[in-house]
Full PDB file with SEQRES, HELIX, SHEET, SSBOND, CRYST1, ORIGX, SCALE, CONECT and MASTER records, all heavy atoms in Angstrom:
SEQRES   1 A   33  MET GLN GLN LEU GLU GLY ARG LEU GLY LEU GLY LEU PHE          
SEQRES   2 A   33  VAL ARG GLU LYS LYS ARG LEU ARG LEU THR ALA VAL GLY          
SEQRES   3 A   33  ARG THR PHE LEU LYS GLU ALA                                  
HELIX    1 AA1 GLN A    2  LEU A    8  1                                   7    
HELIX    2 AA2 ALA A   24  GLU A   32  1                                   9    
SHEET    1 AA1 2 PHE A  13  ARG A  15  0                                        
SHEET    2 AA1 2 LEU A  20  LEU A  22 -1                                        
CRYST1    1.000    1.000    1.000  90.00  90.00  90.00 P 1           1          
ORIGX1      1.000000  0.000000  0.000000        0.00000                         
ORIGX2      0.000000  1.000000  0.000000        0.00000                         
ORIGX3      0.000000  0.000000  1.000000        0.00000                         
SCALE1      1.000000  0.000000  0.000000        0.00000                         
SCALE2      0.000000  1.000000  0.000000        0.00000                         
SCALE3      0.000000  0.000000  1.000000        0.00000                         
ATOM      1  N   MET A   1       0.861  -1.206  -0.023  1.00  0.00           N  
ATOM      2  CA  MET A   1      -0.011  -0.006  -0.018  1.00  0.00           C  
ATOM      3  C   MET A   1       0.869   1.247  -0.002  1.00  0.00           C  
ATOM      4  O   MET A   1       0.554   2.229  -0.718  1.00  0.00           O  
ATOM      5  CB  MET A   1      -0.935   0.002   1.200  1.00  0.00           C  
ATOM      6  CG  MET A   1      -2.003  -1.116   1.185  1.00  0.00           C  
ATOM      7  SD  MET A   1      -3.021  -1.123  -0.314  1.00  0.00           S  
ATOM      8  CE  MET A   1      -2.162  -2.335  -1.373  1.00  0.00           C  
ATOM      9  N   GLN A   2       1.947   1.226   0.749  1.00  0.00           N  
ATOM     10  CA  GLN A   2       2.871   2.379   0.756  1.00  0.00           C  
ATOM     11  C   GLN A   2       3.507   2.563  -0.620  1.00  0.00           C  
ATOM     12  O   GLN A   2       3.634   3.690  -1.101  1.00  0.00           O  
ATOM     13  CB  GLN A   2       3.914   2.132   1.885  1.00  0.00           C  
ATOM     14  CG  GLN A   2       3.373   2.181   3.256  1.00  0.00           C  
ATOM     15  CD  GLN A   2       4.345   1.757   4.284  1.00  0.00           C  
ATOM     16  OE1 GLN A   2       5.499   1.398   3.980  1.00  0.00           O  
ATOM     17  NE2 GLN A   2       3.922   1.719   5.561  1.00  0.00           N  
ATOM     18  N   GLN A   3       3.924   1.484  -1.239  1.00  0.00           N  
ATOM     19  CA  GLN A   3       4.521   1.579  -2.572  1.00  0.00           C  
ATOM     20  C   GLN A   3       3.513   2.082  -3.589  1.00  0.00           C  
ATOM     21  O   GLN A   3       3.840   2.870  -4.479  1.00  0.00           O  
ATOM     22  CB  GLN A   3       5.045   0.189  -3.018  1.00  0.00           C  
ATOM     23  CG  GLN A   3       6.242  -0.271  -2.220  1.00  0.00           C  
ATOM     24  CD  GLN A   3       6.585  -1.708  -2.540  1.00  0.00           C  
ATOM     25  OE1 GLN A   3       6.031  -2.336  -3.439  1.00  0.00           O  
ATOM     26  NE2 GLN A   3       7.541  -2.285  -1.772  1.00  0.00           N  
ATOM     27  N   LEU A   4       2.272   1.676  -3.487  1.00  0.00           N  
ATOM     28  CA  LEU A   4       1.225   2.123  -4.420  1.00  0.00           C  
ATOM     29  C   LEU A   4       1.049   3.626  -4.290  1.00  0.00           C  
ATOM     30  O   LEU A   4       0.963   4.351  -5.315  1.00  0.00           O  
ATOM     31  CB  LEU A   4      -0.040   1.378  -4.170  1.00  0.00           C  
ATOM     32  CG  LEU A   4      -1.288   1.774  -5.002  1.00  0.00           C  
ATOM     33  CD1 LEU A   4      -0.996   1.640  -6.489  1.00  0.00           C  
ATOM     34  CD2 LEU A   4      -2.469   1.012  -4.571  1.00  0.00           C  
ATOM     35  N   GLU A   5       0.920   4.082  -3.034  1.00  0.00           N  
ATOM     36  CA  GLU A   5       0.737   5.549  -2.851  1.00  0.00           C  
ATOM     37  C   GLU A   5       1.947   6.324  -3.337  1.00  0.00           C  
ATOM     38  O   GLU A   5       1.833   7.388  -3.921  1.00  0.00           O  
ATOM     39  CB  GLU A   5       0.464   5.861  -1.367  1.00  0.00           C  
ATOM     40  CG  GLU A   5      -0.904   5.356  -0.889  1.00  0.00           C  
ATOM     41  CD  GLU A   5      -1.085   5.600   0.600  1.00  0.00           C  
ATOM     42  OE1 GLU A   5      -0.204   5.242   1.392  1.00  0.00           O  
ATOM     43  OE2 GLU A   5      -2.176   6.130   0.942  1.00  0.00           O  
ATOM     44  N   GLY A   6       3.137   5.697  -3.126  1.00  0.00           N  
ATOM     45  CA  GLY A   6       4.337   6.387  -3.611  1.00  0.00           C  
ATOM     46  C   GLY A   6       4.419   6.469  -5.118  1.00  0.00           C  
ATOM     47  O   GLY A   6       4.776   7.531  -5.716  1.00  0.00           O  
ATOM     48  N   ARG A   7       4.061   5.404  -5.815  1.00  0.00           N  
ATOM     49  CA  ARG A   7       4.030   5.419  -7.276  1.00  0.00           C  
ATOM     50  C   ARG A   7       3.018   6.392  -7.847  1.00  0.00           C  
ATOM     51  O   ARG A   7       3.280   7.080  -8.836  1.00  0.00           O  
ATOM     52  CB  ARG A   7       3.685   4.028  -7.802  1.00  0.00           C  
ATOM     53  CG  ARG A   7       4.773   2.970  -7.595  1.00  0.00           C  
ATOM     54  CD  ARG A   7       4.338   1.597  -8.058  1.00  0.00           C  
ATOM     55  NE  ARG A   7       4.117   1.557  -9.481  1.00  0.00           N  
ATOM     56  CZ  ARG A   7       3.631   0.486 -10.118  1.00  0.00           C  
ATOM     57  NH1 ARG A   7       3.312  -0.593  -9.423  1.00  0.00           N  
ATOM     58  NH2 ARG A   7       3.460   0.523 -11.438  1.00  0.00           N  
ATOM     59  N   LEU A   8       1.880   6.495  -7.192  1.00  0.00           N  
ATOM     60  CA  LEU A   8       0.839   7.449  -7.672  1.00  0.00           C  
ATOM     61  C   LEU A   8       1.075   8.840  -7.243  1.00  0.00           C  
ATOM     62  O   LEU A   8       0.604   9.801  -7.837  1.00  0.00           O  
ATOM     63  CB  LEU A   8      -0.523   6.939  -7.202  1.00  0.00           C  
ATOM     64  CG  LEU A   8      -1.036   5.644  -7.738  1.00  0.00           C  
ATOM     65  CD1 LEU A   8      -2.316   5.205  -7.021  1.00  0.00           C  
ATOM     66  CD2 LEU A   8      -1.291   5.718  -9.229  1.00  0.00           C  
ATOM     67  N   GLY A   9       1.841   9.008  -6.144  1.00  0.00           N  
ATOM     68  CA  GLY A   9       2.030  10.362  -5.578  1.00  0.00           C  
ATOM     69  C   GLY A   9       0.754  10.869  -4.951  1.00  0.00           C  
ATOM     70  O   GLY A   9       0.510  12.084  -4.969  1.00  0.00           O  
ATOM     71  N   LEU A  10      -0.041   9.953  -4.401  1.00  0.00           N  
ATOM     72  CA  LEU A  10      -1.356  10.324  -3.859  1.00  0.00           C  
ATOM     73  C   LEU A  10      -1.516   9.633  -2.485  1.00  0.00           C  
ATOM     74  O   LEU A  10      -1.024   8.539  -2.289  1.00  0.00           O  
ATOM     75  CB  LEU A  10      -2.483   9.835  -4.813  1.00  0.00           C  
ATOM     76  CG  LEU A  10      -2.499  10.433  -6.196  1.00  0.00           C  
ATOM     77  CD1 LEU A  10      -3.496   9.651  -7.062  1.00  0.00           C  
ATOM     78  CD2 LEU A  10      -2.892  11.912  -6.161  1.00  0.00           C  
ATOM     79  N   GLY A  11      -2.292  10.250  -1.654  1.00  0.00           N  
ATOM     80  CA  GLY A  11      -2.638   9.645  -0.381  1.00  0.00           C  
ATOM     81  C   GLY A  11      -3.991   8.946  -0.529  1.00  0.00           C  
ATOM     82  O   GLY A  11      -5.006   9.593  -0.764  1.00  0.00           O  
ATOM     83  N   LEU A  12      -4.020   7.632  -0.451  1.00  0.00           N  
ATOM     84  CA  LEU A  12      -5.235   6.899  -0.677  1.00  0.00           C  
ATOM     85  C   LEU A  12      -5.987   6.601   0.614  1.00  0.00           C  
ATOM     86  O   LEU A  12      -7.184   6.324   0.597  1.00  0.00           O  
ATOM     87  CB  LEU A  12      -4.930   5.531  -1.390  1.00  0.00           C  
ATOM     88  CG  LEU A  12      -4.240   5.700  -2.775  1.00  0.00           C  
ATOM     89  CD1 LEU A  12      -3.899   4.264  -3.301  1.00  0.00           C  
ATOM     90  CD2 LEU A  12      -5.129   6.419  -3.724  1.00  0.00           C  
ATOM     91  N   PHE A  13      -5.246   6.599   1.725  1.00  0.00           N  
ATOM     92  CA  PHE A  13      -5.870   6.262   2.997  1.00  0.00           C  
ATOM     93  C   PHE A  13      -5.586   7.330   4.053  1.00  0.00           C  
ATOM     94  O   PHE A  13      -4.486   7.980   4.015  1.00  0.00           O  
ATOM     95  CB  PHE A  13      -5.293   4.922   3.540  1.00  0.00           C  
ATOM     96  CG  PHE A  13      -5.566   3.754   2.656  1.00  0.00           C  
ATOM     97  CD1 PHE A  13      -4.630   3.309   1.770  1.00  0.00           C  
ATOM     98  CD2 PHE A  13      -6.789   3.070   2.690  1.00  0.00           C  
ATOM     99  CE1 PHE A  13      -4.849   2.168   0.969  1.00  0.00           C  
ATOM    100  CE2 PHE A  13      -7.052   1.994   1.873  1.00  0.00           C  
ATOM    101  CZ  PHE A  13      -6.061   1.567   0.998  1.00  0.00           C  
ATOM    102  N   VAL A  14      -6.531   7.464   4.989  1.00  0.00           N  
ATOM    103  CA  VAL A  14      -6.270   8.171   6.255  1.00  0.00           C  
ATOM    104  C   VAL A  14      -6.084   7.140   7.304  1.00  0.00           C  
ATOM    105  O   VAL A  14      -7.013   6.313   7.581  1.00  0.00           O  
ATOM    106  CB  VAL A  14      -7.446   9.104   6.623  1.00  0.00           C  
ATOM    107  CG1 VAL A  14      -7.234   9.727   7.995  1.00  0.00           C  
ATOM    108  CG2 VAL A  14      -7.637  10.177   5.601  1.00  0.00           C  
ATOM    109  N   ARG A  15      -4.914   7.058   7.909  1.00  0.00           N  
ATOM    110  CA  ARG A  15      -4.579   5.978   8.826  1.00  0.00           C  
ATOM    111  C   ARG A  15      -4.935   6.380  10.249  1.00  0.00           C  
ATOM    112  O   ARG A  15      -4.396   7.318  10.840  1.00  0.00           O  
ATOM    113  CB  ARG A  15      -3.110   5.615   8.702  1.00  0.00           C  
ATOM    114  CG  ARG A  15      -2.780   4.916   7.387  1.00  0.00           C  
ATOM    115  CD  ARG A  15      -1.307   4.847   7.118  1.00  0.00           C  
ATOM    116  NE  ARG A  15      -1.061   3.961   5.933  1.00  0.00           N  
ATOM    117  CZ  ARG A  15      -1.193   4.397   4.651  1.00  0.00           C  
ATOM    118  NH1 ARG A  15      -1.594   5.664   4.431  1.00  0.00           N  
ATOM    119  NH2 ARG A  15      -0.925   3.551   3.682  1.00  0.00           N  
ATOM    120  N   GLU A  16      -5.815   5.596  10.807  1.00  0.00           N  
ATOM    121  CA  GLU A  16      -6.229   5.736  12.208  1.00  0.00           C  
ATOM    122  C   GLU A  16      -5.625   4.569  12.989  1.00  0.00           C  
ATOM    123  O   GLU A  16      -5.003   3.720  12.424  1.00  0.00           O  
ATOM    124  CB  GLU A  16      -7.728   5.797  12.334  1.00  0.00           C  
ATOM    125  CG  GLU A  16      -8.324   7.009  11.595  1.00  0.00           C  
ATOM    126  CD  GLU A  16      -9.831   7.043  11.641  1.00  0.00           C  
ATOM    127  OE1 GLU A  16     -10.399   5.993  12.088  1.00  0.00           O  
ATOM    128  OE2 GLU A  16     -10.425   8.063  11.203  1.00  0.00           O  
ATOM    129  N   LYS A  17      -5.937   4.484  14.281  1.00  0.00           N  
ATOM    130  CA  LYS A  17      -5.312   3.470  15.123  1.00  0.00           C  
ATOM    131  C   LYS A  17      -5.608   2.054  14.617  1.00  0.00           C  
ATOM    132  O   LYS A  17      -4.709   1.227  14.467  1.00  0.00           O  
ATOM    133  CB  LYS A  17      -5.739   3.660  16.534  1.00  0.00           C  
ATOM    134  CG  LYS A  17      -5.030   2.748  17.523  1.00  0.00           C  
ATOM    135  CD  LYS A  17      -5.338   3.066  18.940  1.00  0.00           C  
ATOM    136  CE  LYS A  17      -4.549   2.204  19.894  1.00  0.00           C  
ATOM    137  NZ  LYS A  17      -4.948   2.447  21.335  1.00  0.00           N  
ATOM    138  N   LYS A  18      -6.880   1.717  14.417  1.00  0.00           N  
ATOM    139  CA  LYS A  18      -7.240   0.353  13.992  1.00  0.00           C  
ATOM    140  C   LYS A  18      -7.995   0.352  12.667  1.00  0.00           C  
ATOM    141  O   LYS A  18      -8.666  -0.658  12.365  1.00  0.00           O  
ATOM    142  CB  LYS A  18      -8.091  -0.302  15.074  1.00  0.00           C  
ATOM    143  CG  LYS A  18      -7.338  -0.540  16.343  1.00  0.00           C  
ATOM    144  CD  LYS A  18      -8.208  -1.326  17.341  1.00  0.00           C  
ATOM    145  CE  LYS A  18      -7.436  -1.615  18.635  1.00  0.00           C  
ATOM    146  NZ  LYS A  18      -8.323  -2.360  19.596  1.00  0.00           N  
ATOM    147  N   ARG A  19      -7.923   1.460  11.948  1.00  0.00           N  
ATOM    148  CA  ARG A  19      -8.745   1.553  10.714  1.00  0.00           C  
ATOM    149  C   ARG A  19      -8.034   2.383   9.668  1.00  0.00           C  
ATOM    150  O   ARG A  19      -7.377   3.351  10.007  1.00  0.00           O  
ATOM    151  CB  ARG A  19     -10.098   2.127  11.086  1.00  0.00           C  
ATOM    152  CG  ARG A  19     -11.051   2.279   9.968  1.00  0.00           C  
ATOM    153  CD  ARG A  19     -12.308   2.976  10.437  1.00  0.00           C  
ATOM    154  NE  ARG A  19     -13.250   3.191   9.321  1.00  0.00           N  
ATOM    155  CZ  ARG A  19     -14.328   4.014   9.396  1.00  0.00           C  
ATOM    156  NH1 ARG A  19     -14.604   4.615  10.545  1.00  0.00           N  
ATOM    157  NH2 ARG A  19     -15.078   4.159   8.367  1.00  0.00           N  
ATOM    158  N   LEU A  20      -8.192   2.008   8.433  1.00  0.00           N  
ATOM    159  CA  LEU A  20      -7.735   2.770   7.309  1.00  0.00           C  
ATOM    160  C   LEU A  20      -8.947   3.297   6.538  1.00  0.00           C  
ATOM    161  O   LEU A  20      -9.771   2.482   6.002  1.00  0.00           O  
ATOM    162  CB  LEU A  20      -6.853   1.962   6.375  1.00  0.00           C  
ATOM    163  CG  LEU A  20      -5.377   1.843   6.739  1.00  0.00           C  
ATOM    164  CD1 LEU A  20      -5.177   0.985   7.978  1.00  0.00           C  
ATOM    165  CD2 LEU A  20      -4.599   1.279   5.531  1.00  0.00           C  
ATOM    166  N   ARG A  21      -9.195   4.581   6.510  1.00  0.00           N  
ATOM    167  CA  ARG A  21     -10.296   5.170   5.820  1.00  0.00           C  
ATOM    168  C   ARG A  21      -9.821   5.733   4.490  1.00  0.00           C  
ATOM    169  O   ARG A  21      -8.722   6.325   4.382  1.00  0.00           O  
ATOM    170  CB  ARG A  21     -10.969   6.255   6.578  1.00  0.00           C  
ATOM    171  CG  ARG A  21     -11.711   5.793   7.844  1.00  0.00           C  
ATOM    172  CD  ARG A  21     -12.522   6.860   8.462  1.00  0.00           C  
ATOM    173  NE  ARG A  21     -11.696   7.929   8.998  1.00  0.00           N  
ATOM    174  CZ  ARG A  21     -11.571   9.133   8.385  1.00  0.00           C  
ATOM    175  NH1 ARG A  21     -12.246   9.400   7.286  1.00  0.00           N  
ATOM    176  NH2 ARG A  21     -10.818  10.092   8.956  1.00  0.00           N  
ATOM    177  N   LEU A  22     -10.586   5.512   3.439  1.00  0.00           N  
ATOM    178  CA  LEU A  22     -10.221   6.062   2.149  1.00  0.00           C  
ATOM    179  C   LEU A  22     -10.359   7.554   2.077  1.00  0.00           C  
ATOM    180  O   LEU A  22     -11.295   8.116   2.643  1.00  0.00           O  
ATOM    181  CB  LEU A  22     -11.119   5.455   1.028  1.00  0.00           C  
ATOM    182  CG  LEU A  22     -10.880   3.990   0.647  1.00  0.00           C  
ATOM    183  CD1 LEU A  22     -11.988   3.486  -0.276  1.00  0.00           C  
ATOM    184  CD2 LEU A  22      -9.509   3.820  -0.034  1.00  0.00           C  
ATOM    185  N   THR A  23      -9.398   8.181   1.447  1.00  0.00           N  
ATOM    186  CA  THR A  23      -9.529   9.620   1.176  1.00  0.00           C  
ATOM    187  C   THR A  23     -10.478   9.791  -0.016  1.00  0.00           C  
ATOM    188  O   THR A  23     -10.956   8.794  -0.625  1.00  0.00           O  
ATOM    189  CB  THR A  23      -8.147  10.204   0.818  1.00  0.00           C  
ATOM    190  OG1 THR A  23      -7.698   9.591  -0.397  1.00  0.00           O  
ATOM    191  CG2 THR A  23      -7.172   9.989   1.928  1.00  0.00           C  
ATOM    192  N   ALA A  24     -10.813  11.004  -0.341  1.00  0.00           N  
ATOM    193  CA  ALA A  24     -11.676  11.280  -1.486  1.00  0.00           C  
ATOM    194  C   ALA A  24     -11.046  10.729  -2.744  1.00  0.00           C  
ATOM    195  O   ALA A  24     -11.706  10.111  -3.621  1.00  0.00           O  
ATOM    196  CB  ALA A  24     -11.973  12.784  -1.624  1.00  0.00           C  
ATOM    197  N   VAL A  25      -9.758  10.941  -2.882  1.00  0.00           N  
ATOM    198  CA  VAL A  25      -9.022  10.389  -4.047  1.00  0.00           C  
ATOM    199  C   VAL A  25      -9.041   8.888  -3.979  1.00  0.00           C  
ATOM    200  O   VAL A  25      -9.190   8.215  -5.016  1.00  0.00           O  
ATOM    201  CB  VAL A  25      -7.589  10.910  -4.062  1.00  0.00           C  
ATOM    202  CG1 VAL A  25      -6.763  10.210  -5.153  1.00  0.00           C  
ATOM    203  CG2 VAL A  25      -7.581  12.436  -4.349  1.00  0.00           C  
ATOM    204  N   GLY A  26      -8.899   8.296  -2.795  1.00  0.00           N  
ATOM    205  CA  GLY A  26      -8.921   6.857  -2.633  1.00  0.00           C  
ATOM    206  C   GLY A  26     -10.238   6.235  -3.049  1.00  0.00           C  
ATOM    207  O   GLY A  26     -10.295   5.171  -3.659  1.00  0.00           O  
ATOM    208  N   ARG A  27     -11.322   6.957  -2.740  1.00  0.00           N  
ATOM    209  CA  ARG A  27     -12.664   6.435  -3.170  1.00  0.00           C  
ATOM    210  C   ARG A  27     -12.798   6.390  -4.653  1.00  0.00           C  
ATOM    211  O   ARG A  27     -13.347   5.454  -5.252  1.00  0.00           O  
ATOM    212  CB  ARG A  27     -13.776   7.270  -2.502  1.00  0.00           C  
ATOM    213  CG  ARG A  27     -13.920   7.019  -1.003  1.00  0.00           C  
ATOM    214  CD  ARG A  27     -15.190   7.607  -0.471  1.00  0.00           C  
ATOM    215  NE  ARG A  27     -15.197   9.097  -0.529  1.00  0.00           N  
ATOM    216  CZ  ARG A  27     -14.728   9.896   0.387  1.00  0.00           C  
ATOM    217  NH1 ARG A  27     -14.170   9.381   1.527  1.00  0.00           N  
ATOM    218  NH2 ARG A  27     -14.761  11.209   0.262  1.00  0.00           N  
ATOM    219  N   THR A  28     -12.294   7.454  -5.332  1.00  0.00           N  
ATOM    220  CA  THR A  28     -12.324   7.502  -6.776  1.00  0.00           C  
ATOM    221  C   THR A  28     -11.468   6.412  -7.352  1.00  0.00           C  
ATOM    222  O   THR A  28     -11.812   5.696  -8.275  1.00  0.00           O  
ATOM    223  CB  THR A  28     -11.827   8.850  -7.277  1.00  0.00           C  
ATOM    224  OG1 THR A  28     -12.675   9.860  -6.810  1.00  0.00           O  
ATOM    225  CG2 THR A  28     -11.831   8.884  -8.830  1.00  0.00           C  
ATOM    226  N   PHE A  29     -10.245   6.211  -6.716  1.00  0.00           N  
ATOM    227  CA  PHE A  29      -9.344   5.184  -7.202  1.00  0.00           C  
ATOM    228  C   PHE A  29      -9.950   3.808  -7.036  1.00  0.00           C  
ATOM    229  O   PHE A  29      -9.701   2.917  -7.870  1.00  0.00           O  
ATOM    230  CB  PHE A  29      -8.044   5.329  -6.481  1.00  0.00           C  
ATOM    231  CG  PHE A  29      -6.927   4.470  -7.073  1.00  0.00           C  
ATOM    232  CD1 PHE A  29      -6.310   4.852  -8.221  1.00  0.00           C  
ATOM    233  CD2 PHE A  29      -6.596   3.256  -6.462  1.00  0.00           C  
ATOM    234  CE1 PHE A  29      -5.283   4.042  -8.764  1.00  0.00           C  
ATOM    235  CE2 PHE A  29      -5.604   2.453  -7.031  1.00  0.00           C  
ATOM    236  CZ  PHE A  29      -4.948   2.854  -8.154  1.00  0.00           C  
ATOM    237  N   LEU A  30     -10.716   3.602  -5.990  1.00  0.00           N  
ATOM    238  CA  LEU A  30     -11.349   2.313  -5.769  1.00  0.00           C  
ATOM    239  C   LEU A  30     -12.306   1.968  -6.896  1.00  0.00           C  
ATOM    240  O   LEU A  30     -12.353   0.833  -7.375  1.00  0.00           O  
ATOM    241  CB  LEU A  30     -12.067   2.283  -4.410  1.00  0.00           C  
ATOM    242  CG  LEU A  30     -12.787   0.958  -4.055  1.00  0.00           C  
ATOM    243  CD1 LEU A  30     -11.859  -0.215  -3.971  1.00  0.00           C  
ATOM    244  CD2 LEU A  30     -13.567   1.101  -2.754  1.00  0.00           C  
ATOM    245  N   LYS A  31     -13.142   2.942  -7.288  1.00  0.00           N  
ATOM    246  CA  LYS A  31     -14.004   2.692  -8.409  1.00  0.00           C  
ATOM    247  C   LYS A  31     -13.220   2.346  -9.716  1.00  0.00           C  
ATOM    248  O   LYS A  31     -13.610   1.416 -10.442  1.00  0.00           O  
ATOM    249  CB  LYS A  31     -14.874   3.961  -8.695  1.00  0.00           C  
ATOM    250  CG  LYS A  31     -15.819   4.291  -7.569  1.00  0.00           C  
ATOM    251  CD  LYS A  31     -16.610   5.551  -7.911  1.00  0.00           C  
ATOM    252  CE  LYS A  31     -17.532   5.951  -6.763  1.00  0.00           C  
ATOM    253  NZ  LYS A  31     -18.262   7.213  -7.070  1.00  0.00           N  
ATOM    254  N   GLU A  32     -12.133   3.039  -9.957  1.00  0.00           N  
ATOM    255  CA  GLU A  32     -11.323   2.767 -11.126  1.00  0.00           C  
ATOM    256  C   GLU A  32     -10.643   1.370 -11.017  1.00  0.00           C  
ATOM    257  O   GLU A  32     -10.580   0.646 -11.975  1.00  0.00           O  
ATOM    258  CB  GLU A  32     -10.281   3.825 -11.285  1.00  0.00           C  
ATOM    259  CG  GLU A  32     -10.828   5.229 -11.556  1.00  0.00           C  
ATOM    260  CD  GLU A  32     -11.444   5.376 -12.890  1.00  0.00           C  
ATOM    261  OE1 GLU A  32     -11.249   4.516 -13.748  1.00  0.00           O  
ATOM    262  OE2 GLU A  32     -12.191   6.328 -13.111  1.00  0.00           O  
ATOM    263  N   ALA A  33     -10.244   1.006  -9.845  1.00  0.00           N  
ATOM    264  CA  ALA A  33      -9.611  -0.293  -9.630  1.00  0.00           C  
ATOM    265  C   ALA A  33     -10.557  -1.415  -9.889  1.00  0.00           C  
ATOM    266  O   ALA A  33     -10.260  -2.429 -10.527  1.00  0.00           O  
ATOM    267  CB  ALA A  33      -9.078  -0.362  -8.201  1.00  0.00           C  
TER     268      ALA A  33                                                      
MASTER        0    0    0    2    2    0    0    6  267    1    0    3          
END                                                                             
């Protein structure tokens, strides 16, 4: 996941203690994926 965000130059997740929430860009990327 870190490598993917690095390749894209985008933050896909907001990292919380026990949860990873998608950013707005991440939600768009999920549809494309």
